[in-house]
Protein backbone atom coordinates (compact mmCIF):
# COMPACT_ATOMS: atom_id res chain seq x y z
CA MET A 1 -46.91 43.40 78.42
CA TYR A 2 -45.10 40.30 77.22
CA ARG A 3 -41.37 40.19 77.87
CA MET A 4 -39.20 37.74 76.03
CA SER A 5 -36.32 36.11 77.81
CA TYR A 6 -32.80 36.60 76.54
CA ALA A 7 -32.65 32.89 75.61
CA GLU A 8 -35.79 33.24 73.46
CA ILE A 9 -34.32 36.23 71.64
CA ILE A 10 -31.01 34.44 71.02
CA ASP A 11 -32.87 31.35 69.80
CA ASP A 12 -34.96 33.46 67.40
CA ASP A 13 -31.81 35.14 66.08
CA SER A 14 -30.17 31.76 65.56
CA ASN A 15 -33.21 30.37 63.75
CA GLU A 16 -33.42 33.46 61.53
CA ARG A 17 -29.70 33.25 60.72
CA ARG A 18 -30.00 29.55 59.89
CA SER A 19 -33.01 30.27 57.67
CA ARG A 20 -31.02 32.87 55.73
CA GLU A 21 -28.14 30.42 55.35
CA VAL A 22 -30.51 27.76 53.96
CA MET A 23 -31.91 30.31 51.49
CA ALA A 24 -28.37 31.26 50.39
CA PHE A 25 -27.51 27.59 49.80
CA ASP A 26 -30.81 27.00 48.00
CA HIS A 27 -30.02 29.88 45.66
CA GLY A 28 -26.50 28.62 45.00
CA ILE A 29 -27.70 25.08 44.37
CA ASP A 30 -30.35 26.37 41.97
CA LEU A 31 -27.74 28.42 40.07
CA LEU A 32 -25.34 25.47 39.89
CA THR A 33 -28.10 23.09 38.75
CA ARG A 34 -29.14 25.41 35.94
CA ALA A 35 -25.49 25.94 34.97
CA ALA A 36 -24.89 22.18 34.89
CA ALA A 37 -27.70 21.80 32.35
CA GLY A 38 -26.05 24.24 29.96
CA ASP A 39 -22.64 25.20 28.67
CA PRO A 40 -20.06 25.03 31.51
CA ARG A 41 -18.23 27.99 29.92
CA SER A 42 -21.32 30.23 29.76
CA ALA A 43 -21.77 33.49 31.64
CA GLU A 44 -24.54 31.79 33.65
CA ALA A 45 -22.14 29.02 34.73
CA THR A 46 -19.45 31.54 35.66
CA ALA A 47 -21.95 33.57 37.71
CA ALA A 48 -23.13 30.42 39.52
CA VAL A 49 -19.60 29.35 40.40
CA ARG A 50 -18.63 32.84 41.55
CA TYR A 51 -21.75 33.04 43.74
CA VAL A 52 -20.82 29.77 45.46
CA GLN A 53 -17.24 30.97 45.92
CA GLN A 54 -18.47 34.19 47.53
CA LEU A 55 -20.91 32.30 49.74
CA TRP A 56 -18.19 30.00 51.02
CA GLY A 57 -15.73 32.87 51.37
CA PHE A 58 -18.23 34.59 53.66
CA LEU A 59 -18.86 31.37 55.59
CA ILE A 60 -15.16 30.66 56.04
CA SER A 61 -14.64 34.19 57.33
CA ASP A 62 -17.49 33.75 59.82
CA LEU A 63 -16.29 30.29 60.87
CA SER A 64 -12.78 31.67 61.44
CA ASP A 65 -14.06 34.32 63.82
CA PRO A 66 -13.16 33.43 67.43
CA GLY A 67 -16.65 34.58 68.45
CA ASN A 68 -18.33 31.90 66.33
CA SER A 69 -20.36 29.67 68.65
CA LEU A 70 -19.94 26.38 66.76
CA SER A 71 -17.61 23.78 68.24
CA GLY A 72 -13.98 23.88 67.13
CA PRO A 73 -14.02 20.53 65.31
CA LEU A 74 -17.21 21.39 63.42
CA ARG A 75 -15.83 24.78 62.42
CA THR A 76 -12.60 23.14 61.22
CA ASP A 77 -14.52 20.56 59.17
CA LEU A 78 -16.73 23.23 57.58
CA ILE A 79 -13.73 25.40 56.75
CA SER A 80 -12.08 22.38 55.06
CA ILE A 81 -15.24 21.74 53.06
CA GLY A 82 -15.38 25.42 52.09
CA LEU A 83 -11.78 25.41 50.90
CA TRP A 84 -12.49 22.32 48.79
CA VAL A 85 -15.56 24.03 47.29
CA ILE A 86 -13.51 27.10 46.38
CA ARG A 87 -10.76 24.96 44.81
CA GLU A 88 -13.30 22.90 42.84
CA ALA A 89 -14.98 26.12 41.69
CA ASP A 90 -11.59 27.38 40.52
CA ARG A 91 -11.18 24.16 38.51
CA LEU A 92 -14.53 24.81 36.83
CA LEU A 93 -13.61 28.40 36.02
CA SER A 94 -10.25 27.34 34.56
CA GLY A 95 -11.80 24.58 32.45
CA ALA A 96 -9.92 21.82 34.30
CA THR A 97 -13.30 20.16 34.91
CA GLN A 98 -16.76 20.60 33.48
CA SER A 99 -18.70 18.69 36.14
CA PHE A 100 -20.86 20.56 38.61
CA THR A 101 -21.91 17.36 40.38
CA GLY A 102 -19.46 17.56 43.30
CA LEU A 103 -20.27 21.19 44.01
CA ILE A 104 -24.00 20.57 43.87
CA ASP A 105 -23.78 17.48 46.09
CA ILE A 106 -21.63 19.02 48.82
CA ASN A 107 -23.70 22.20 48.94
CA ARG A 108 -26.89 20.13 49.23
CA THR A 109 -25.37 18.09 52.05
CA VAL A 110 -24.35 21.19 53.99
CA ARG A 111 -27.70 22.87 53.33
CA ASP A 112 -29.56 19.78 54.52
CA GLY A 113 -27.49 19.78 57.68
CA LEU A 114 -28.73 23.29 58.44
CA ARG A 115 -32.37 22.15 58.43
């Protein structure tokens, strides 16, 4: 019988979690890219922006948890990025901006950092 070490199990869990995070970012980037090609006031655009807000809301909550294993400075930087994303998304929803470029770029950068 093969027995996995605790470290192997933890590593597998971490890799699986990271894979799910990449998929969530991929989905958000795809939604934002499609929304950017159309009317920024459309239902599709609103759904894309709300998805990204929810994604970052979840991430900020996880990053704020004292049990999160990332280093303090990295967690702080990611929380700051997340707050910017949420504010920029609010600007899109309110019509203060019609550009999705910043949201797409920052989400791609974070996603690429997970790989």
